[in-house]
Protein backbone atom coordinates (compact mmCIF):
# COMPACT_ATOMS: atom_id res chain seq x y z
CA UNK A 1 0.00 0.00 0.00
CA UNK A 2 1.10 3.55 -0.70
CA UNK A 3 0.06 6.38 1.60
CA UNK A 4 0.08 9.96 0.31
CA UNK A 5 0.00 12.57 3.06
CA UNK A 6 -1.62 15.96 2.40
CA UNK A 7 -1.24 19.28 4.16
CA UNK A 8 -3.86 22.02 3.87
CA UNK A 9 -1.64 23.64 1.23
CA UNK A 10 -1.57 20.36 -0.72
CA UNK A 11 -5.35 20.12 -0.61
CA UNK A 12 -5.68 23.67 -1.91
CA UNK A 13 -3.29 22.94 -4.81
CA UNK A 14 -4.75 19.57 -5.84
CA UNK A 15 -6.49 19.76 -9.20
CA UNK A 16 -8.07 17.63 -11.89
CA UNK A 17 -6.45 17.62 -15.33
CA UNK A 18 -8.84 19.25 -17.83
CA UNK A 19 -7.46 17.48 -20.90
CA UNK A 20 -5.86 14.23 -21.99
CA UNK A 21 -2.08 13.79 -21.86
CA UNK A 22 -0.59 12.39 -25.08
CA UNK A 23 2.50 10.83 -23.48
CA UNK A 24 0.39 9.26 -20.76
CA UNK A 25 -2.05 7.64 -23.19
CA UNK A 26 0.74 6.45 -25.47
CA UNK A 27 2.76 4.79 -22.70
CA UNK A 28 -0.26 3.24 -20.99
CA UNK A 29 -1.65 1.84 -24.25
CA UNK A 30 1.73 0.29 -25.02
CA UNK A 31 1.88 -1.23 -21.55
CA UNK A 32 -1.60 -2.71 -22.03
CA UNK A 33 -0.46 -4.33 -25.28
CA UNK A 34 2.91 -5.46 -23.87
CA UNK A 35 1.26 -7.16 -20.89
CA UNK A 36 -1.62 -8.48 -23.01
CA UNK A 37 -4.31 -6.99 -20.84
CA UNK A 38 -7.84 -6.87 -22.19
CA UNK A 39 -10.15 -3.96 -21.37
CA UNK A 40 -13.82 -3.32 -22.10
CA UNK A 41 -14.66 -0.67 -24.64
CA UNK A 42 -11.38 -1.03 -26.54
CA UNK A 43 -12.21 -3.98 -28.79
CA UNK A 44 -12.52 -2.01 -32.01
CA UNK A 45 -9.41 -0.02 -31.13
CA UNK A 46 -7.41 -3.27 -30.93
CA UNK A 47 -8.95 -4.59 -34.14
CA UNK A 48 -8.25 -1.41 -36.10
CA UNK A 49 -4.74 -1.09 -34.67
CA UNK A 50 -4.06 -4.64 -35.83
CA UNK A 51 -4.69 -3.55 -39.42
CA UNK A 52 -2.26 -0.61 -39.08
CA UNK A 53 0.31 -2.39 -36.95
CA UNK A 54 3.96 -2.36 -38.07
CA UNK A 55 5.81 -5.43 -36.74
CA UNK A 56 8.83 -3.40 -35.66
CA UNK A 57 6.61 -1.48 -33.22
CA UNK A 58 6.85 -4.56 -30.99
CA UNK A 59 10.43 -3.48 -30.21
CA UNK A 60 8.88 -0.91 -27.86
CA UNK A 61 7.65 -3.79 -25.68
CA UNK A 62 11.31 -4.35 -24.72
CA UNK A 63 11.01 -1.25 -22.52
CA UNK A 64 8.16 -2.51 -20.31
CA UNK A 65 7.79 -4.94 -17.46
CA UNK A 66 4.63 -6.07 -15.68
CA UNK A 67 4.86 -3.14 -13.26
CA UNK A 68 7.27 -0.59 -14.78
CA UNK A 69 6.64 2.15 -17.35
CA UNK A 70 9.30 4.08 -19.31
CA UNK A 71 8.57 7.72 -18.47
CA UNK A 72 11.11 8.88 -21.06
CA UNK A 73 8.74 8.11 -23.96
CA UNK A 74 8.12 11.82 -24.52
CA UNK A 75 5.59 13.14 -27.01
CA UNK A 76 5.52 16.66 -28.54
CA UNK A 77 7.58 18.46 -25.94
CA UNK A 78 8.83 22.03 -26.41
CA UNK A 79 7.31 22.23 -29.88
CA UNK A 80 9.42 19.38 -31.26
CA UNK A 81 7.89 16.47 -33.14
CA UNK A 82 7.41 13.11 -31.45
CA UNK A 83 10.48 11.40 -32.90
CA UNK A 84 12.84 14.23 -31.96
CA UNK A 85 11.35 14.74 -28.50
CA UNK A 86 11.49 11.04 -27.64
CA UNK A 87 15.07 10.62 -28.84
CA UNK A 88 16.13 13.64 -26.77
CA UNK A 89 14.11 12.52 -23.74
CA UNK A 90 16.25 9.48 -22.99
CA UNK A 91 18.44 11.01 -20.27
CA UNK A 92 20.58 9.32 -17.64
CA UNK A 93 17.52 8.35 -15.57
CA UNK A 94 15.99 6.76 -18.68
CA UNK A 95 19.12 4.78 -19.45
CA UNK A 96 19.28 3.61 -15.84
CA UNK A 97 15.67 2.50 -16.09
CA UNK A 98 16.42 0.36 -19.16
CA UNK A 99 19.52 -1.09 -17.48
CA UNK A 100 17.38 -1.98 -14.47
CA UNK A 101 15.12 -4.12 -16.65
CA UNK A 102 18.14 -6.39 -17.02
CA UNK A 103 17.57 -7.53 -13.45
CA UNK A 104 14.19 -8.93 -14.52
CA UNK A 105 15.06 -10.47 -17.86
CA UNK A 106 17.72 -10.56 -20.54
CA UNK A 107 17.83 -7.29 -22.45
CA UNK A 108 17.37 -7.33 -26.21
CA UNK A 109 20.11 -5.76 -28.37
CA UNK A 110 17.86 -2.71 -28.87
CA UNK A 111 17.39 -2.25 -25.12
CA UNK A 112 21.10 -2.76 -24.44
CA UNK A 113 22.02 -0.08 -26.97
CA UNK A 114 19.53 2.33 -25.41
CA UNK A 115 20.94 1.68 -21.95
CA UNK A 116 24.38 2.48 -23.32
CA UNK A 117 23.11 5.73 -24.87
CA UNK A 118 23.98 4.63 -28.41
CA UNK A 119 22.83 7.36 -30.81
CA UNK A 120 21.44 5.12 -33.53
CA UNK A 121 19.21 3.32 -31.05
CA UNK A 122 17.91 6.64 -29.73
CA UNK A 123 16.95 7.74 -33.24
CA UNK A 124 15.22 4.40 -33.78
CA UNK A 125 13.35 4.85 -30.49
CA UNK A 126 12.05 8.20 -31.72
CA UNK A 127 10.94 6.74 -35.03
CA UNK A 128 9.20 3.79 -33.38
CA UNK A 129 7.36 6.06 -30.96
CA UNK A 130 6.20 8.39 -33.74
CA UNK A 131 4.97 5.44 -35.84
CA UNK A 132 3.06 3.95 -32.92
CA UNK A 133 1.50 7.30 -32.03
CA UNK A 134 0.33 7.76 -35.64
CA UNK A 135 -1.28 4.29 -35.68
CA UNK A 136 -2.66 3.91 -32.17
CA UNK A 137 -3.29 7.33 -30.64
CA UNK A 138 -3.64 10.15 -33.18
CA UNK A 139 -6.66 8.66 -35.04
CA UNK A 140 -8.51 8.46 -31.72
CA UNK A 141 -7.26 11.63 -30.10
CA UNK A 142 -10.49 13.59 -30.47
CA UNK A 143 -12.41 10.82 -28.72
CA UNK A 144 -9.74 10.37 -26.03
CA UNK A 145 -9.78 14.08 -25.29
CA UNK A 146 -13.60 14.07 -25.23
CA UNK A 147 -13.63 11.27 -22.64
CA UNK A 148 -11.07 12.97 -20.41
CA UNK A 149 -12.92 16.29 -20.69
CA UNK A 150 -16.18 14.57 -19.70
CA UNK A 151 -14.46 13.00 -16.68
CA UNK A 152 -13.08 16.43 -15.75
CA UNK A 153 -16.56 17.94 -15.86
CA UNK A 154 -17.91 15.12 -13.71
CA UNK A 155 -15.18 15.58 -11.09
CA UNK A 156 -15.52 19.36 -11.23
CA UNK A 157 -19.21 19.02 -10.33
CA UNK A 158 -18.23 16.76 -7.43
CA UNK A 159 -15.68 19.32 -6.31
CA UNK A 160 -18.30 22.07 -6.38
CA UNK A 161 -20.90 20.13 -4.41
CA UNK A 162 -18.95 17.81 -2.11
CA UNK A 163 -15.46 19.25 -2.12
CA UNK A 164 -12.18 17.42 -2.64
CA UNK A 165 -13.17 14.85 -0.01
CA UNK A 166 -15.89 13.51 -2.32
CA UNK A 167 -13.55 13.45 -5.32
CA UNK A 168 -10.83 11.49 -3.53
CA UNK A 169 -13.31 9.13 -1.89
CA UNK A 170 -14.91 8.14 -5.21
CA UNK A 171 -11.89 7.91 -7.53
CA UNK A 172 -11.88 4.11 -7.22
CA UNK A 173 -13.46 1.58 -4.84
CA UNK A 174 -10.02 0.38 -3.68
CA UNK A 175 -8.77 3.88 -2.75
CA UNK A 176 -9.23 4.99 0.85
CA UNK A 177 -9.33 8.66 1.84
CA UNK A 178 -9.10 9.53 5.53
CA UNK A 179 -7.92 13.10 6.00
CA UNK A 180 -5.08 13.82 5.58
CA UNK A 181 -3.99 10.48 4.04
CA UNK A 182 -4.87 8.93 0.69
CA UNK A 183 -4.16 5.17 0.67
CA UNK A 184 -3.62 3.48 -2.69
CA UNK A 185 -3.48 -0.28 -3.44
CA UNK A 186 0.07 -0.14 -4.78
CA UNK A 187 3.46 -1.54 -3.79
CA UNK A 188 6.07 1.02 -4.89
CA UNK A 189 9.54 1.46 -3.45
CA UNK A 190 8.21 4.10 -1.04
CA UNK A 191 5.36 3.27 1.33
CA UNK A 192 4.56 6.84 2.36
CA UNK A 193 4.93 10.15 0.53
CA UNK A 194 4.59 13.71 1.80
CA UNK A 195 3.50 16.06 -0.97
CA UNK A 196 5.35 18.92 0.69
CA UNK A 197 2.96 21.65 -0.44
CA UNK A 198 3.08 20.67 -4.12
CA UNK A 199 -0.45 19.33 -4.24
CA UNK A 200 -1.50 16.52 -6.58
CA UNK A 201 -2.59 16.44 -10.22
CA UNK A 202 -5.35 13.90 -10.86
CA UNK A 203 -4.98 12.75 -14.47
CA UNK A 204 -7.80 10.61 -15.96
CA UNK A 205 -6.61 8.23 -18.68
CA UNK A 206 -8.47 6.11 -21.21
CA UNK A 207 -5.70 3.50 -21.42
CA UNK A 208 -4.93 3.22 -17.71
CA UNK A 209 -6.19 -0.36 -18.03
CA UNK A 210 -7.71 -0.66 -14.59
CA UNK A 211 -4.56 0.41 -12.75
CA UNK A 212 -3.23 3.43 -10.91
CA UNK A 213 0.06 5.06 -11.90
CA UNK A 214 2.09 7.62 -9.97
CA UNK A 215 4.71 9.94 -11.46
CA UNK A 216 6.80 12.91 -10.40
CA UNK A 217 6.89 12.11 -6.68
CA UNK A 218 10.69 12.12 -6.51
CA UNK A 219 11.19 15.42 -8.38
CA UNK A 220 10.90 18.16 -5.72
CA UNK A 221 10.14 20.92 -8.25
CA UNK A 222 7.33 19.04 -10.03
CA UNK A 223 3.73 18.52 -9.04
CA UNK A 224 3.17 14.78 -8.54
CA UNK A 225 0.64 13.08 -10.79
CA UNK A 226 -1.81 10.32 -9.95
CA UNK A 227 -3.05 8.71 -13.16
CA UNK A 228 -6.32 6.83 -12.75
CA UNK A 229 -8.52 4.93 -15.22
CA UNK A 230 -11.72 6.34 -16.65
CA UNK A 231 -14.50 3.84 -15.78
CA UNK A 232 -14.83 1.05 -18.34
CA UNK A 233 -18.38 1.87 -19.45
CA UNK A 234 -17.26 5.33 -20.58
CA UNK A 235 -14.48 3.86 -22.73
CA UNK A 236 -17.21 2.53 -25.03
CA UNK A 237 -16.80 5.78 -26.93
CA UNK A 238 -13.45 4.49 -28.16
CA UNK A 239 -15.37 2.20 -30.49
CA UNK A 240 -16.16 3.70 -33.88
CA UNK A 241 -19.87 3.33 -33.28
CA UNK A 242 -21.73 3.08 -30.02
CA UNK A 243 -23.91 -0.04 -30.18
CA UNK A 244 -27.22 0.54 -28.38
CA UNK A 245 -29.58 -2.36 -27.62
CA UNK A 246 -31.64 -3.41 -30.69
CA UNK A 247 -34.94 -2.58 -28.93
CA UNK A 248 -33.75 0.95 -28.29
CA UNK A 249 -32.63 1.34 -31.92
CA UNK A 250 -36.04 0.13 -33.12
CA UNK A 251 -37.75 2.64 -30.86
CA UNK A 252 -35.64 5.74 -31.46
CA UNK A 253 -33.75 5.12 -34.67
CA UNK A 254 -30.04 4.30 -34.91
CA UNK A 255 -28.59 7.81 -34.60
CA UNK A 256 -30.74 8.97 -31.71
CA UNK A 257 -30.24 5.69 -29.84
CA UNK A 258 -26.47 6.07 -30.29
CA UNK A 259 -26.69 9.68 -29.10
CA UNK A 260 -28.47 8.56 -25.93
CA UNK A 261 -25.83 5.88 -25.24
CA UNK A 262 -23.07 8.39 -25.95
CA UNK A 263 -24.44 10.85 -23.39
CA UNK A 264 -24.69 8.04 -20.84
CA UNK A 265 -21.10 6.94 -21.47
CA UNK A 266 -19.44 10.31 -21.85
CA UNK A 267 -21.39 12.48 -19.45
CA UNK A 268 -22.93 15.83 -20.43
CA UNK A 269 -21.62 16.85 -23.86
CA UNK A 270 -21.78 19.95 -25.98
CA UNK A 271 -23.32 19.72 -29.43
CA UNK A 272 -19.86 19.76 -31.01
CA UNK A 273 -18.61 16.99 -28.72
CA UNK A 274 -21.70 14.88 -29.37
CA UNK A 275 -21.27 15.33 -33.12
CA UNK A 276 -17.60 14.29 -32.92
CA UNK A 277 -18.44 11.16 -30.92
CA UNK A 278 -21.17 10.12 -33.38
CA UNK A 279 -19.29 11.06 -36.53
CA UNK A 280 -21.99 13.44 -37.77
CA UNK A 281 -22.18 17.19 -38.38
CA UNK A 282 -22.95 19.56 -35.50
CA UNK A 283 -26.14 20.65 -37.28
CA UNK A 284 -27.36 17.05 -37.51
CA UNK A 285 -26.38 16.39 -33.90
CA UNK A 286 -28.29 19.49 -32.81
CA UNK A 287 -31.40 18.30 -34.67
CA UNK A 288 -31.33 14.85 -33.06
CA UNK A 289 -30.60 16.32 -29.63
CA UNK A 290 -33.58 18.64 -29.91
CA UNK A 291 -35.88 15.71 -30.69
CA UNK A 292 -34.51 13.75 -27.72
CA UNK A 293 -35.04 16.79 -25.50
CA UNK A 294 -38.63 17.25 -26.75
CA UNK A 295 -39.29 13.61 -25.78
CA UNK A 296 -37.93 14.21 -22.28
CA UNK A 297 -34.94 11.89 -22.68
CA UNK A 298 -32.38 14.70 -22.46
CA UNK A 299 -32.23 18.31 -21.36
CA UNK A 300 -30.35 21.25 -22.85
CA UNK A 301 -28.37 23.76 -20.81
CA UNK A 302 -26.80 26.87 -22.28
CA UNK A 303 -23.33 27.70 -20.94
CA UNK A 304 -22.23 30.95 -22.57
CA UNK A 305 -22.32 30.32 -26.31
CA UNK A 306 -22.38 26.54 -25.90
CA UNK A 307 -25.35 24.19 -25.52
CA UNK A 308 -24.66 21.21 -23.25
CA UNK A 309 -26.87 18.10 -23.39
CA UNK A 310 -27.68 16.03 -20.28
CA UNK A 311 -29.35 12.63 -19.94
CA UNK A 312 -32.61 12.67 -17.94
CA UNK A 313 -33.99 10.04 -15.59
CA UNK A 314 -36.38 8.90 -18.34
CA UNK A 315 -33.40 8.49 -20.66
CA UNK A 316 -31.62 6.40 -18.03
CA UNK A 317 -34.70 4.18 -17.63
CA UNK A 318 -34.76 3.57 -21.36
CA UNK A 319 -31.07 2.63 -21.44
CA UNK A 320 -31.46 0.22 -18.54
CA UNK A 321 -33.98 -1.85 -20.44
CA UNK A 322 -37.22 -0.17 -19.49
CA UNK A 323 -38.23 0.50 -23.08
CA UNK A 324 -41.81 -0.68 -22.65
CA UNK A 325 -42.34 1.24 -19.44
CA UNK A 326 -40.99 4.45 -20.89
CA UNK A 327 -42.65 4.21 -24.30
CA UNK A 328 -45.34 6.75 -23.46
CA UNK A 329 -42.68 9.38 -22.86
CA UNK A 330 -41.32 9.02 -26.40
CA UNK A 331 -44.56 8.80 -28.38
CA UNK A 332 -43.77 12.04 -30.19
CA UNK A 333 -40.55 10.51 -31.42
CA UNK A 334 -42.36 7.60 -33.03
CA UNK A 335 -44.59 9.94 -35.03
CA UNK A 336 -41.67 11.64 -36.77
CA UNK A 337 -39.48 8.57 -37.39
CA UNK A 338 -35.71 8.71 -37.60
CA UNK A 339 -35.47 11.81 -39.76
């Protein structure tokens, strides 16, 4: 177990990341593949990646163990492209990390050259990382960012109503929060950490694969990061198309049923975000959302110049299988058809 101790200053400085982190998603997705973990909501991602996969990308697996992640896999830092940033990011700590893997297993020639700081291997590392990013992360980045933004909004509402205590208590069932200590089900080298006034960054991640990850605790000038997984049901948006139950599709039409499932999985979404998740134009998304709202399945809230769509209790009943019981509430939808 790892215990993180907070002061009042740490609590005041703790925040929730508002956007996805490219390096985080890249490293965690690679670790999921390297350890052959299977996660709900990522089936189509795996299938599509298989069609784009370059066999030499498997060389990146040499840098992972069951519990260790290579933090030096840097993406788009200081305005540089991925290949250049990653090649330059392999510093002494990174080389020591690769050398340390030799205590767990025999290093491959590629890993040995990286541990030695050999220039050609560093260039290859940059190329491999850029290729993997282009195949596995970039095509899905809009959806990844949408999911993390939805999680941020959810946690921000918790913060506004129940304070940081509610956020920390509900991050995961196996996390225990008893002021001023957060206890995590992990077995790192350190068993207790004092944040020392730095606070904590809570970073949601699509590819966290059911695990917690900590970073930056040993760098006194950096704010430590706790990476935690977005709940599995919300990762359904990683699939190209949300697949609602057939009865719901028959009742509402394919697009509106998918819109309802998308709002349930991703939380309240703006019209633009809903359109991006469904792969339709914002105008079309707005039209379908208006029909759902007229039927009482969603509500619309204007935030500045943006309209945000929320699922209602009636919409939740429909999604949980109560189609027959809720049919009266959507009679107006049946008159107009799919549209």
